C-alpha atoms as a PDB file:
ATOM      1  CA  MET A   1      38.399 127.333  98.415  1.00  0.00           C
ATOM      2  CA  GLY A   2      36.097 129.665  99.896  1.00  0.00           C
ATOM      3  CA  GLY A   3      36.769 132.950  98.106  1.00  0.00           C
ATOM      4  CA  VAL A   4      34.581 134.225  94.844  1.00  0.00           C
ATOM      5  CA  ILE A   5      36.561 135.841  92.022  1.00  0.00           C
ATOM      6  CA  MET A   6      34.355 138.636  90.488  1.00  0.00           C
ATOM      7  CA  HIS A   7      34.932 140.279  87.216  1.00  0.00           C
ATOM      8  CA  LYS A   8      33.211 142.339  84.465  1.00  0.00           C
ATOM      9  CA  SER A   9      35.018 142.303  81.668  1.00  0.00           C
ATOM     10  CA  HIS A  10      39.079 141.592  80.431  1.00  0.00           C
ATOM     11  CA  GLU A  11      39.557 146.081  81.077  1.00  0.00           C
ATOM     12  CA  GLU A  12      38.388 146.037  84.589  1.00  0.00           C
ATOM     13  CA  THR A  13      40.200 144.916  87.639  1.00  0.00           C
ATOM     14  CA  ALA A  14      39.068 141.548  89.151  1.00  0.00           C
ATOM     15  CA  LEU A  15      38.167 141.668  92.627  1.00  0.00           C
ATOM     16  CA  TYR A  16      38.624 138.878  95.242  1.00  0.00           C
ATOM     17  CA  LYS A  17      36.297 138.587  98.024  1.00  0.00           C
ATOM     18  CA  CYS A  18      37.549 136.720 100.934  1.00  0.00           C
ATOM     19  CA  GLY A  19      35.893 134.912 103.724  1.00  0.00           C
ATOM     20  CA  ARG A  20      34.968 136.484 107.459  1.00  0.00           C
ATOM     21  CA  TYR A  21      37.410 133.705 109.237  1.00  0.00           C
ATOM     22  CA  HIS A  22      41.025 135.714 109.245  1.00  0.00           C
ATOM     23  CA  ASN A  23      41.133 135.874 112.934  1.00  0.00           C
ATOM     24  CA  ARG A  24      40.971 131.979 112.886  1.00  0.00           C
ATOM     25  CA  ALA A  25      43.047 131.666 110.345  1.00  0.00           C
ATOM     26  CA  ALA A  26      45.826 133.637 111.940  1.00  0.00           C
ATOM     27  CA  LEU A  27      45.342 131.381 115.362  1.00  0.00           C
ATOM     28  CA  VAL A  28      45.595 128.613 112.757  1.00  0.00           C
ATOM     29  CA  ILE A  29      48.933 129.837 111.348  1.00  0.00           C
ATOM     30  CA  ASP A  30      50.363 130.363 114.611  1.00  0.00           C
ATOM     31  CA  GLN A  31      50.151 126.857 115.876  1.00  0.00           C
ATOM     32  CA  VAL A  32      51.405 125.136 112.795  1.00  0.00           C
ATOM     33  CA  TYR A  33      54.244 127.495 113.064  1.00  0.00           C
ATOM     34  CA  ALA A  34      54.775 126.368 116.271  1.00  0.00           C
ATOM     35  CA  ALA A  35      54.391 122.291 116.018  1.00  0.00           C
ATOM     36  CA  LEU A  36      56.489 122.440 113.269  1.00  0.00           C
ATOM     37  CA  GLU A  37      59.033 124.623 114.703  1.00  0.00           C
ATOM     38  CA  GLU A  38      58.898 121.919 117.671  1.00  0.00           C
ATOM     39  CA  ARG A  39      59.357 119.361 115.271  1.00  0.00           C
ATOM     40  CA  GLY A  40      62.373 120.282 113.884  1.00  0.00           C
ATOM     41  CA  TYR A  41      60.701 121.416 110.421  1.00  0.00           C
ATOM     42  CA  ASP A  42      61.547 124.876 108.389  1.00  0.00           C
ATOM     43  CA  PRO A  43      57.732 126.104 109.282  1.00  0.00           C
ATOM     44  CA  VAL A  44      58.033 128.406 106.572  1.00  0.00           C
ATOM     45  CA  ALA A  45      59.062 125.704 103.488  1.00  0.00           C
ATOM     46  CA  GLN A  46      56.390 124.000 105.019  1.00  0.00           C
ATOM     47  CA  LEU A  47      53.293 125.996 105.113  1.00  0.00           C
ATOM     48  CA  VAL A  48      54.843 127.236 101.381  1.00  0.00           C
ATOM     49  CA  GLY A  49      54.793 123.636 100.296  1.00  0.00           C
ATOM     50  CA  TYR A  50      51.504 123.216 102.300  1.00  0.00           C
ATOM     51  CA  LEU A  51      49.710 125.904 100.558  1.00  0.00           C
ATOM     52  CA  MET A  52      51.240 125.920  96.709  1.00  0.00           C
ATOM     53  CA  SER A  53      50.443 121.981  96.565  1.00  0.00           C
ATOM     54  CA  GLY A  54      47.085 121.695  99.357  1.00  0.00           C
ATOM     55  CA  ASP A  55      49.343 118.248 100.147  1.00  0.00           C
ATOM     56  CA  PRO A  56      48.390 117.884 103.810  1.00  0.00           C
ATOM     57  CA  THR A  57      51.578 115.734 104.400  1.00  0.00           C
ATOM     58  CA  TYR A  58      53.854 118.887 103.952  1.00  0.00           C
ATOM     59  CA  ILE A  59      52.086 119.211 107.530  1.00  0.00           C
ATOM     60  CA  THR A  60      53.295 117.974 110.418  1.00  0.00           C
ATOM     61  CA  SER A  61      50.520 115.650 113.060  1.00  0.00           C
ATOM     62  CA  HIS A  62      51.993 117.065 116.364  1.00  0.00           C
ATOM     63  CA  GLN A  63      49.504 119.188 118.453  1.00  0.00           C
ATOM     64  CA  GLU A  64      46.855 118.590 115.884  1.00  0.00           C
ATOM     65  CA  ALA A  65      48.950 121.096 113.220  1.00  0.00           C
ATOM     66  CA  ARG A  66      47.492 118.950 110.127  1.00  0.00           C
ATOM     67  CA  THR A  67      43.799 118.652 111.013  1.00  0.00           C
ATOM     68  CA  LEU A  68      43.691 122.519 112.447  1.00  0.00           C
ATOM     69  CA  ILE A  69      45.189 123.206 109.010  1.00  0.00           C
ATOM     70  CA  ARG A  70      42.640 121.609 107.226  1.00  0.00           C
ATOM     71  CA  SER A  71      39.801 123.529 108.621  1.00  0.00           C
ATOM     72  CA  ILE A  72      40.304 126.449 107.113  1.00  0.00           C
ATOM     73  CA  GLU A  73      39.932 127.490 103.902  1.00  0.00           C
ATOM     74  CA  ARG A  74      43.694 127.897 101.639  1.00  0.00           C
ATOM     75  CA  ASP A  75      42.849 131.488 100.144  1.00  0.00           C
ATOM     76  CA  GLU A  76      41.844 132.271 103.926  1.00  0.00           C
ATOM     77  CA  LEU A  77      45.149 131.754 105.382  1.00  0.00           C
ATOM     78  CA  LEU A  78      46.856 132.838 101.906  1.00  0.00           C
ATOM     79  CA  SER A  79      44.736 135.351 102.881  1.00  0.00           C
ATOM     80  CA  GLU A  80      46.182 136.257 105.841  1.00  0.00           C
ATOM     81  CA  LEU A  81      49.174 135.732 105.608  1.00  0.00           C
ATOM     82  CA  VAL A  82      49.515 138.985 103.118  1.00  0.00           C
ATOM     83  CA  ARG A  83      47.465 141.307 105.102  1.00  0.00           C
ATOM     84  CA  GLY A  84      49.856 140.475 107.869  1.00  0.00           C
ATOM     85  CA  TYR A  85      52.786 140.998 105.789  1.00  0.00           C
ATOM     86  CA  LEU A  86      51.346 144.448 104.512  1.00  0.00           C
ATOM     87  CA  ARG A  87      50.503 145.267 108.778  1.00  0.00           C
ATOM     88  CA  GLY A  88      53.956 144.660 109.063  1.00  0.00           C
ATOM     89  CA  ARG A  89      55.637 146.935 106.308  1.00  0.00           C
ATOM     90  CA  ARG A  90      52.994 149.491 107.157  1.00  0.00           C
ATOM     91  CA  SER A  91      54.716 149.472 110.770  1.00  0.00           C
ATOM     92  CA  HIS A  92      57.913 149.292 109.811  1.00  0.00           C
ATOM     93  CA  ASN A  93      57.256 152.184 107.480  1.00  0.00           C
ATOM     94  CA  ARG A  94      55.990 154.537 109.859  1.00  0.00           C
ATOM     95  CA  THR A  95      58.669 153.444 112.454  1.00  0.00           C
ATOM     96  CA  GLY A  96      61.463 154.419 110.273  1.00  0.00           C
END
């Protein structure tokens, strides 16, 4: 995976440095989600299966989705998903 885990001792917080491709990761996630949905799969379940196992067969080859998802490291995809979730939570908390 593309990230680097950095830490000094057991008592300090480990820092995980993510790569720079989060905008492309978001685009790939959206495209893969749409392809999975078009084929009638549960996109969330299929993406989780891929992210947990690394097995690309969880992703359809429809619309080149399998090739697309493999073009981004799994840690980058996870980083983008967490970023998006947190953005949504912060927006939701501000509005209501």
